[in-house]
Amino acid sequence: MIKKLFLFLISVFSFLTIGCQTVEPPLEEWVLARAAYEAARSVQAAKYSPGFWHQAEESYKKARILYKEESYDEAKAEFVAARRAAEKAENSARLKRQQSGEVL
C-alpha cells in the first residue's frame, strides 16, 4: 500500500515538473528582427519596397504582441518571418535606389 502511494506521488510530481517547464523567450530572434527592421527603415524600404516592408512591419508587430502574451513559440516564428521580410525589403530598396542613381 505504501509502495503504491509512493509511486503515485512520484508520478504526480514528475507530471507536474514536466508539465510546468517553460519555453525560453526568443530574445535572439527579437534582436535580429529588430536590427533587420531598422536597417530596412534606414534605406526607406517603405517607399521603395512597400510589399516586403508591410510584411515585415505586420509580422514584427504581431510577434511583439505574442511575446507580451508569453506565446514564445509563435512569437519566435513571427520574429523570424519579420526578419526575413525586412531583409528582403532592405535589399530590394537598396537595389531600386542604386538603379535609379540615388546615393545610399
N, C-alpha and C. Protein backbone atom coordinates (compact mmCIF):
# COMPACT_ATOMS: atom_id res chain seq x y z
N MET A 1 0.82 -1.19 0.00
CA MET A 1 0.00 0.00 0.00
C MET A 1 0.87 1.26 0.00
N ILE A 2 1.87 1.29 0.85
CA ILE A 2 2.76 2.45 0.92
C ILE A 2 3.57 2.57 -0.37
N LYS A 3 3.93 1.42 -0.92
CA LYS A 3 4.70 1.44 -2.16
C LYS A 3 3.86 2.04 -3.30
N LYS A 4 2.57 1.69 -3.36
CA LYS A 4 1.69 2.24 -4.39
C LYS A 4 1.51 3.75 -4.20
N LEU A 5 1.34 4.16 -2.96
CA LEU A 5 1.19 5.59 -2.68
C LEU A 5 2.45 6.35 -3.07
N PHE A 6 3.60 5.77 -2.73
CA PHE A 6 4.88 6.39 -3.08
C PHE A 6 5.02 6.51 -4.59
N LEU A 7 4.70 5.46 -5.33
CA LEU A 7 4.78 5.51 -6.79
C LEU A 7 3.80 6.52 -7.37
N PHE A 8 2.62 6.60 -6.78
CA PHE A 8 1.63 7.58 -7.23
C PHE A 8 2.14 9.00 -7.02
N LEU A 9 2.71 9.27 -5.86
CA LEU A 9 3.23 10.61 -5.57
C LEU A 9 4.39 10.97 -6.50
N ILE A 10 5.23 10.01 -6.78
CA ILE A 10 6.36 10.25 -7.69
C ILE A 10 5.82 10.57 -9.09
N SER A 11 4.81 9.81 -9.55
CA SER A 11 4.28 10.09 -10.88
C SER A 11 3.59 11.44 -10.94
N VAL A 12 2.87 11.83 -9.91
CA VAL A 12 2.22 13.14 -9.89
C VAL A 12 3.28 14.24 -9.89
N PHE A 13 4.30 14.08 -9.07
CA PHE A 13 5.38 15.07 -9.01
C PHE A 13 6.09 15.17 -10.37
N SER A 14 6.36 14.04 -11.00
CA SER A 14 7.02 14.04 -12.31
C SER A 14 6.16 14.73 -13.36
N PHE A 15 4.87 14.43 -13.33
CA PHE A 15 3.95 15.05 -14.28
C PHE A 15 3.92 16.56 -14.10
N LEU A 16 3.86 17.01 -12.86
CA LEU A 16 3.81 18.45 -12.60
C LEU A 16 5.12 19.12 -12.99
N THR A 17 6.22 18.48 -12.73
CA THR A 17 7.53 19.04 -13.08
C THR A 17 7.69 19.15 -14.59
N ILE A 18 7.34 18.09 -15.29
CA ILE A 18 7.48 18.10 -16.75
C ILE A 18 6.46 19.05 -17.37
N GLY A 19 5.26 19.07 -16.85
CA GLY A 19 4.20 19.91 -17.39
C GLY A 19 4.43 21.39 -17.16
N CYS A 20 5.25 21.76 -16.20
CA CYS A 20 5.46 23.17 -15.87
C CYS A 20 6.73 23.74 -16.49
N GLN A 21 7.38 23.01 -17.36
CA GLN A 21 8.57 23.55 -18.00
C GLN A 21 8.16 24.68 -18.92
N THR A 22 8.98 25.69 -18.95
CA THR A 22 8.66 26.85 -19.77
C THR A 22 9.56 26.89 -21.00
N VAL A 23 9.07 27.57 -22.00
CA VAL A 23 9.82 27.77 -23.23
C VAL A 23 10.63 29.05 -23.06
N GLU A 24 11.85 29.01 -23.54
CA GLU A 24 12.72 30.18 -23.46
C GLU A 24 12.18 31.31 -24.33
N PRO A 25 12.21 32.53 -23.85
CA PRO A 25 11.80 33.67 -24.68
C PRO A 25 12.74 33.81 -25.88
N PRO A 26 12.21 34.13 -27.05
CA PRO A 26 13.03 34.23 -28.27
C PRO A 26 13.77 35.57 -28.36
N LEU A 27 14.68 35.80 -27.45
CA LEU A 27 15.40 37.08 -27.41
C LEU A 27 16.29 37.28 -28.62
N GLU A 28 16.99 36.23 -29.03
CA GLU A 28 17.89 36.36 -30.18
C GLU A 28 17.11 36.70 -31.45
N GLU A 29 15.98 36.02 -31.63
CA GLU A 29 15.15 36.29 -32.81
C GLU A 29 14.60 37.71 -32.78
N TRP A 30 14.25 38.19 -31.58
CA TRP A 30 13.73 39.55 -31.45
C TRP A 30 14.81 40.57 -31.85
N VAL A 31 16.02 40.37 -31.33
CA VAL A 31 17.12 41.30 -31.62
C VAL A 31 17.44 41.31 -33.12
N LEU A 32 17.49 40.13 -33.73
CA LEU A 32 17.79 40.05 -35.16
C LEU A 32 16.68 40.67 -36.00
N ALA A 33 15.44 40.44 -35.60
CA ALA A 33 14.31 41.04 -36.34
C ALA A 33 14.34 42.56 -36.20
N ARG A 34 14.64 43.04 -35.01
CA ARG A 34 14.69 44.49 -34.78
C ARG A 34 15.81 45.14 -35.62
N ALA A 35 16.97 44.48 -35.66
CA ALA A 35 18.09 45.01 -36.44
C ALA A 35 17.75 45.06 -37.93
N ALA A 36 17.13 43.99 -38.43
CA ALA A 36 16.75 43.96 -39.84
C ALA A 36 15.68 45.02 -40.14
N TYR A 37 14.76 45.19 -39.22
CA TYR A 37 13.69 46.18 -39.36
C TYR A 37 14.28 47.59 -39.42
N GLU A 38 15.20 47.89 -38.54
CA GLU A 38 15.84 49.21 -38.51
C GLU A 38 16.69 49.44 -39.77
N ALA A 39 17.37 48.40 -40.23
CA ALA A 39 18.18 48.52 -41.45
C ALA A 39 17.28 48.82 -42.65
N ALA A 40 16.14 48.15 -42.71
CA ALA A 40 15.21 48.40 -43.81
C ALA A 40 14.64 49.82 -43.73
N ARG A 41 14.36 50.26 -42.54
CA ARG A 41 13.84 51.63 -42.37
C ARG A 41 14.88 52.65 -42.80
N SER A 42 16.15 52.37 -42.54
CA SER A 42 17.21 53.35 -42.84
C SER A 42 17.39 53.57 -44.34
N VAL A 43 16.95 52.62 -45.16
CA VAL A 43 17.07 52.79 -46.62
C VAL A 43 15.71 53.09 -47.26
N GLN A 44 14.77 53.53 -46.45
CA GLN A 44 13.43 53.93 -46.91
C GLN A 44 12.72 52.79 -47.63
N ALA A 45 12.74 51.62 -47.01
CA ALA A 45 12.09 50.45 -47.61
C ALA A 45 10.59 50.65 -47.77
N ALA A 46 9.98 51.43 -46.91
CA ALA A 46 8.54 51.67 -47.03
C ALA A 46 8.20 52.34 -48.35
N LYS A 47 9.12 53.15 -48.84
CA LYS A 47 8.91 53.86 -50.11
C LYS A 47 9.29 53.00 -51.31
N TYR A 48 10.42 52.31 -51.22
CA TYR A 48 10.97 51.60 -52.38
C TYR A 48 10.57 50.13 -52.46
N SER A 49 10.14 49.56 -51.35
CA SER A 49 9.73 48.15 -51.34
C SER A 49 8.55 47.97 -50.38
N PRO A 50 7.42 48.60 -50.70
CA PRO A 50 6.30 48.61 -49.75
C PRO A 50 5.72 47.24 -49.42
N GLY A 51 5.76 46.31 -50.36
CA GLY A 51 5.21 44.97 -50.11
C GLY A 51 5.97 44.24 -49.01
N PHE A 52 7.28 44.14 -49.18
CA PHE A 52 8.10 43.47 -48.17
C PHE A 52 8.09 44.25 -46.86
N TRP A 53 8.10 45.58 -46.97
CA TRP A 53 8.09 46.40 -45.76
C TRP A 53 6.82 46.14 -44.95
N HIS A 54 5.70 46.08 -45.62
CA HIS A 54 4.42 45.83 -44.94
C HIS A 54 4.43 44.46 -44.26
N GLN A 55 4.94 43.45 -44.95
CA GLN A 55 5.04 42.11 -44.36
C GLN A 55 5.92 42.14 -43.11
N ALA A 56 7.05 42.82 -43.20
CA ALA A 56 7.96 42.91 -42.06
C ALA A 56 7.30 43.62 -40.89
N GLU A 57 6.66 44.72 -41.18
CA GLU A 57 6.02 45.51 -40.14
C GLU A 57 4.91 44.73 -39.43
N GLU A 58 4.07 44.07 -40.21
CA GLU A 58 2.97 43.30 -39.63
C GLU A 58 3.47 42.12 -38.79
N SER A 59 4.45 41.39 -39.31
CA SER A 59 5.00 40.26 -38.57
C SER A 59 5.68 40.72 -37.28
N TYR A 60 6.39 41.83 -37.36
CA TYR A 60 7.09 42.35 -36.18
C TYR A 60 6.09 42.78 -35.10
N LYS A 61 5.04 43.47 -35.51
CA LYS A 61 4.03 43.90 -34.54
C LYS A 61 3.34 42.69 -33.91
N LYS A 62 3.00 41.71 -34.74
CA LYS A 62 2.33 40.51 -34.23
C LYS A 62 3.26 39.75 -33.27
N ALA A 63 4.53 39.67 -33.61
CA ALA A 63 5.49 38.97 -32.76
C ALA A 63 5.62 39.64 -31.40
N ARG A 64 5.65 40.96 -31.38
CA ARG A 64 5.75 41.67 -30.10
C ARG A 64 4.53 41.43 -29.22
N ILE A 65 3.36 41.38 -29.83
CA ILE A 65 2.14 41.09 -29.07
C ILE A 65 2.19 39.68 -28.51
N LEU A 66 2.59 38.72 -29.35
CA LEU A 66 2.69 37.33 -28.88
C LEU A 66 3.74 37.19 -27.79
N TYR A 67 4.83 37.94 -27.90
CA TYR A 67 5.87 37.90 -26.88
C TYR A 67 5.32 38.39 -25.54
N LYS A 68 4.57 39.48 -25.57
CA LYS A 68 3.99 40.02 -24.34
C LYS A 68 2.98 39.05 -23.73
N GLU A 69 2.32 38.28 -24.58
CA GLU A 69 1.36 37.28 -24.09
C GLU A 69 2.05 35.98 -23.69
N GLU A 70 3.38 35.95 -23.81
CA GLU A 70 4.21 34.79 -23.48
C GLU A 70 3.92 33.57 -24.35
N SER A 71 3.49 33.81 -25.57
CA SER A 71 3.34 32.75 -26.58
C SER A 71 4.64 32.69 -27.36
N TYR A 72 5.67 32.18 -26.70
CA TYR A 72 7.03 32.30 -27.22
C TYR A 72 7.27 31.53 -28.52
N ASP A 73 6.67 30.36 -28.67
CA ASP A 73 6.88 29.61 -29.92
C ASP A 73 6.32 30.37 -31.11
N GLU A 74 5.12 30.90 -30.95
CA GLU A 74 4.50 31.66 -32.03
C GLU A 74 5.25 32.98 -32.27
N ALA A 75 5.68 33.60 -31.20
CA ALA A 75 6.44 34.86 -31.32
C ALA A 75 7.74 34.62 -32.08
N LYS A 76 8.39 33.52 -31.77
CA LYS A 76 9.66 33.20 -32.44
C LYS A 76 9.45 33.07 -33.95
N ALA A 77 8.39 32.37 -34.34
CA ALA A 77 8.10 32.20 -35.77
C ALA A 77 7.82 33.55 -36.44
N GLU A 78 7.11 34.42 -35.75
CA GLU A 78 6.80 35.74 -36.32
C GLU A 78 8.04 36.63 -36.39
N PHE A 79 8.91 36.56 -35.38
CA PHE A 79 10.16 37.33 -35.43
C PHE A 79 11.02 36.88 -36.60
N VAL A 80 11.07 35.58 -36.84
CA VAL A 80 11.84 35.06 -37.98
C VAL A 80 11.24 35.55 -39.29
N ALA A 81 9.91 35.50 -39.39
CA ALA A 81 9.24 35.99 -40.60
C ALA A 81 9.48 37.49 -40.79
N ALA A 82 9.45 38.23 -39.70
CA ALA A 82 9.70 39.68 -39.77
C ALA A 82 11.12 39.97 -40.23
N ARG A 83 12.08 39.21 -39.71
CA ARG A 83 13.48 39.42 -40.11
C ARG A 83 13.66 39.14 -41.60
N ARG A 84 13.10 38.05 -42.06
CA ARG A 84 13.24 37.70 -43.48
C ARG A 84 12.61 38.75 -44.39
N ALA A 85 11.41 39.19 -44.03
CA ALA A 85 10.73 40.20 -44.85
C ALA A 85 11.49 41.53 -44.81
N ALA A 86 12.02 41.89 -43.65
CA ALA A 86 12.78 43.14 -43.53
C ALA A 86 14.07 43.08 -44.34
N GLU A 87 14.72 41.92 -44.33
CA GLU A 87 15.95 41.77 -45.13
C GLU A 87 15.63 41.88 -46.63
N LYS A 88 14.52 41.28 -47.04
CA LYS A 88 14.11 41.39 -48.44
C LYS A 88 13.77 42.84 -48.79
N ALA A 89 13.08 43.51 -47.88
CA ALA A 89 12.71 44.92 -48.11
C ALA A 89 13.96 45.78 -48.22
N GLU A 90 14.92 45.55 -47.34
CA GLU A 90 16.16 46.34 -47.38
C GLU A 90 16.90 46.10 -48.69
N ASN A 91 17.07 44.84 -49.06
CA ASN A 91 17.81 44.53 -50.29
C ASN A 91 17.11 45.08 -51.52
N SER A 92 15.80 44.94 -51.56
CA SER A 92 15.03 45.45 -52.69
C SER A 92 15.13 46.97 -52.77
N ALA A 93 15.02 47.63 -51.64
CA ALA A 93 15.10 49.09 -51.62
C ALA A 93 16.49 49.57 -52.04
N ARG A 94 17.51 48.91 -51.56
CA ARG A 94 18.89 49.28 -51.96
C ARG A 94 19.07 49.13 -53.47
N LEU A 95 18.58 48.02 -54.00
CA LEU A 95 18.72 47.77 -55.43
C LEU A 95 17.98 48.83 -56.26
N LYS A 96 16.76 49.13 -55.87
CA LYS A 96 15.97 50.14 -56.60
C LYS A 96 16.60 51.52 -56.50
N ARG A 97 17.14 51.84 -55.35
CA ARG A 97 17.79 53.15 -55.19
C ARG A 97 19.07 53.22 -56.03
N GLN A 98 19.80 52.13 -56.07
CA GLN A 98 21.03 52.10 -56.86
C GLN A 98 20.70 52.21 -58.35
N GLN A 99 19.68 51.49 -58.79
CA GLN A 99 19.29 51.54 -60.20
C GLN A 99 18.81 52.92 -60.63
N SER A 100 18.22 53.63 -59.70
CA SER A 100 17.73 54.98 -60.04
C SER A 100 18.82 56.04 -59.93
N GLY A 101 20.01 55.63 -59.47
CA GLY A 101 21.13 56.57 -59.37
C GLY A 101 21.20 57.31 -58.05
N GLU A 102 20.35 56.96 -57.11
CA GLU A 102 20.41 57.61 -55.78
C GLU A 102 21.64 57.12 -55.03
N VAL A 103 22.21 58.01 -54.26
CA VAL A 103 23.35 57.66 -53.43
C VAL A 103 22.83 57.14 -52.10
N LEU A 104 23.39 56.02 -51.64
CA LEU A 104 22.96 55.47 -50.36
C LEU A 104 23.79 56.00 -49.24
